[in-house]
Protein backbone atom coordinates (compact mmCIF):
# COMPACT_ATOMS: atom_id res chain seq x y z
CA ALA A 1 -0.60 -15.90 -0.92
CA MET A 2 -1.69 -15.60 -4.56
CA GLU A 3 1.44 -17.19 -5.72
CA MET A 4 0.84 -20.12 -3.63
CA LEU A 5 -2.78 -20.51 -4.48
CA LEU A 6 -1.90 -20.47 -8.22
CA THR A 7 1.26 -22.51 -8.25
CA GLY A 8 0.38 -24.82 -5.34
CA ASP A 9 4.03 -24.25 -3.98
CA MET A 10 4.32 -24.78 -0.28
CA ILE A 11 6.29 -22.70 2.17
CA ASN A 12 7.29 -23.55 5.85
CA ALA A 13 5.98 -21.37 8.91
CA LYS A 14 9.10 -19.43 9.11
CA LYS A 15 8.84 -18.10 5.57
CA ALA A 16 5.08 -17.57 5.88
CA LYS A 17 5.98 -15.31 8.94
CA GLU A 18 8.64 -13.43 7.02
CA ILE A 19 6.22 -12.49 4.20
CA GLY A 20 3.34 -11.56 6.58
CA LEU A 21 1.04 -14.39 5.78
CA ILE A 22 1.13 -15.30 9.28
CA ASN A 23 1.62 -13.55 12.68
CA ASN A 24 3.33 -16.24 14.77
CA TYR A 25 3.81 -19.82 14.80
CA PHE A 26 4.84 -22.13 17.61
CA GLN A 27 5.88 -25.69 18.33
CA ALA A 28 3.01 -28.12 18.94
CA GLU A 29 3.47 -28.54 22.77
CA GLU A 30 3.37 -24.67 22.89
CA LEU A 31 0.34 -24.04 20.73
CA THR A 32 -2.35 -24.23 23.63
CA LYS A 33 -0.24 -22.14 25.97
CA GLU A 34 0.39 -19.51 23.30
CA THR A 35 -3.30 -19.51 22.09
CA MET A 36 -4.51 -18.98 25.53
CA ILE A 37 -2.06 -15.94 26.31
CA LEU A 38 -3.46 -14.24 22.89
CA ALA A 39 -7.06 -15.25 23.88
CA ASN A 40 -6.63 -13.72 27.26
CA LYS A 41 -4.97 -10.67 26.21
CA ILE A 42 -8.01 -10.09 23.88
CA ALA A 43 -10.48 -11.02 26.52
CA SER A 44 -8.95 -8.19 28.58
CA LYS A 45 -10.11 -5.79 26.23
CA SER A 46 -13.31 -3.89 25.92
CA SER A 47 -15.40 -6.20 24.16
CA MET A 48 -17.38 -3.22 22.69
CA THR A 49 -14.12 -1.91 21.21
CA VAL A 50 -12.96 -5.47 19.82
CA SER A 51 -16.21 -5.94 18.15
CA MET A 52 -16.03 -2.39 16.73
CA GLY A 53 -12.39 -3.12 15.46
CA LYS A 54 -13.23 -6.50 14.05
CA GLY A 55 -16.32 -4.77 12.09
CA ALA A 56 -14.06 -2.04 10.96
CA PHE A 57 -11.39 -4.34 9.77
CA TYR A 58 -13.61 -6.28 7.75
CA THR A 59 -15.66 -3.41 6.22
CA GLN A 60 -12.73 -1.26 5.26
CA SER A 61 -10.87 -4.31 3.43
CA GLU A 62 -13.60 -4.10 0.90
CA LEU A 63 -13.07 -0.36 0.21
CA ASP A 64 -10.58 1.44 -2.00
CA THR A 65 -7.79 3.18 -0.02
CA SER A 66 -9.43 6.70 0.21
CA ALA A 67 -12.92 5.35 1.44
CA ALA A 68 -11.00 3.16 3.90
CA TYR A 69 -9.41 5.84 5.49
CA GLU A 70 -12.64 7.90 5.73
CA TYR A 71 -14.51 5.01 7.12
CA THR A 72 -11.87 4.00 9.61
CA SER A 73 -11.42 7.74 10.64
CA LYS A 74 -15.25 7.90 11.42
CA VAL A 75 -15.11 4.71 13.37
CA MET A 76 -12.16 6.11 15.33
CA VAL A 77 -14.13 8.99 16.22
CA LYS A 78 -17.26 7.04 17.20
CA ASN A 79 -15.20 4.83 19.22
CA ILE A 80 -13.48 7.62 21.32
CA LEU A 81 -16.80 9.26 22.27
CA LYS A 82 -17.83 6.02 24.01
CA GLU A 83 -17.93 5.52 27.63
CA GLU A 84 -15.47 2.77 27.50
CA ALA A 85 -12.97 4.90 25.63
CA LYS A 86 -13.04 7.28 28.45
CA GLU A 87 -12.30 4.58 30.81
CA GLY A 88 -9.75 3.00 28.91
CA ILE A 89 -7.89 6.28 28.59
CA GLY A 90 -8.45 7.14 32.35
CA ALA A 91 -7.07 3.82 33.26
CA PHE A 92 -4.03 4.42 31.21
CA ILE A 93 -3.25 7.83 32.76
CA GLU A 94 -3.94 6.57 36.11
CA LYS A 95 -1.83 3.43 35.54
CA ARG A 96 -4.44 0.89 36.61
CA SER A 97 -6.26 -1.89 34.83
CA PRO A 98 -9.65 -0.69 33.23
CA GLU A 99 -12.93 -1.75 34.38
CA TRP A 100 -14.87 -2.55 31.34
CA GLU A 101 -18.86 -2.63 31.79
């Protein structure tokens, strides 16, 4: 990304995926369908856990590696102690869909 920023060189979607700049790419006619698949997958998760994960991602990205590991470890422990984690684990063990609050 830095090379693109500094040189102005363009790359295609295939190359962007290869180097990890993007997760996926689709033909224009598939974009809405694929976007909805991803949105529905995220929406099926615990909103509390998704929110906590997003917050942790952005916070740890500003930390050095050691501090980021320490911070995310604390977030993981905090998450696992939540009722929604118990529901998620229980649903997984019982092979059923979780029922989020």
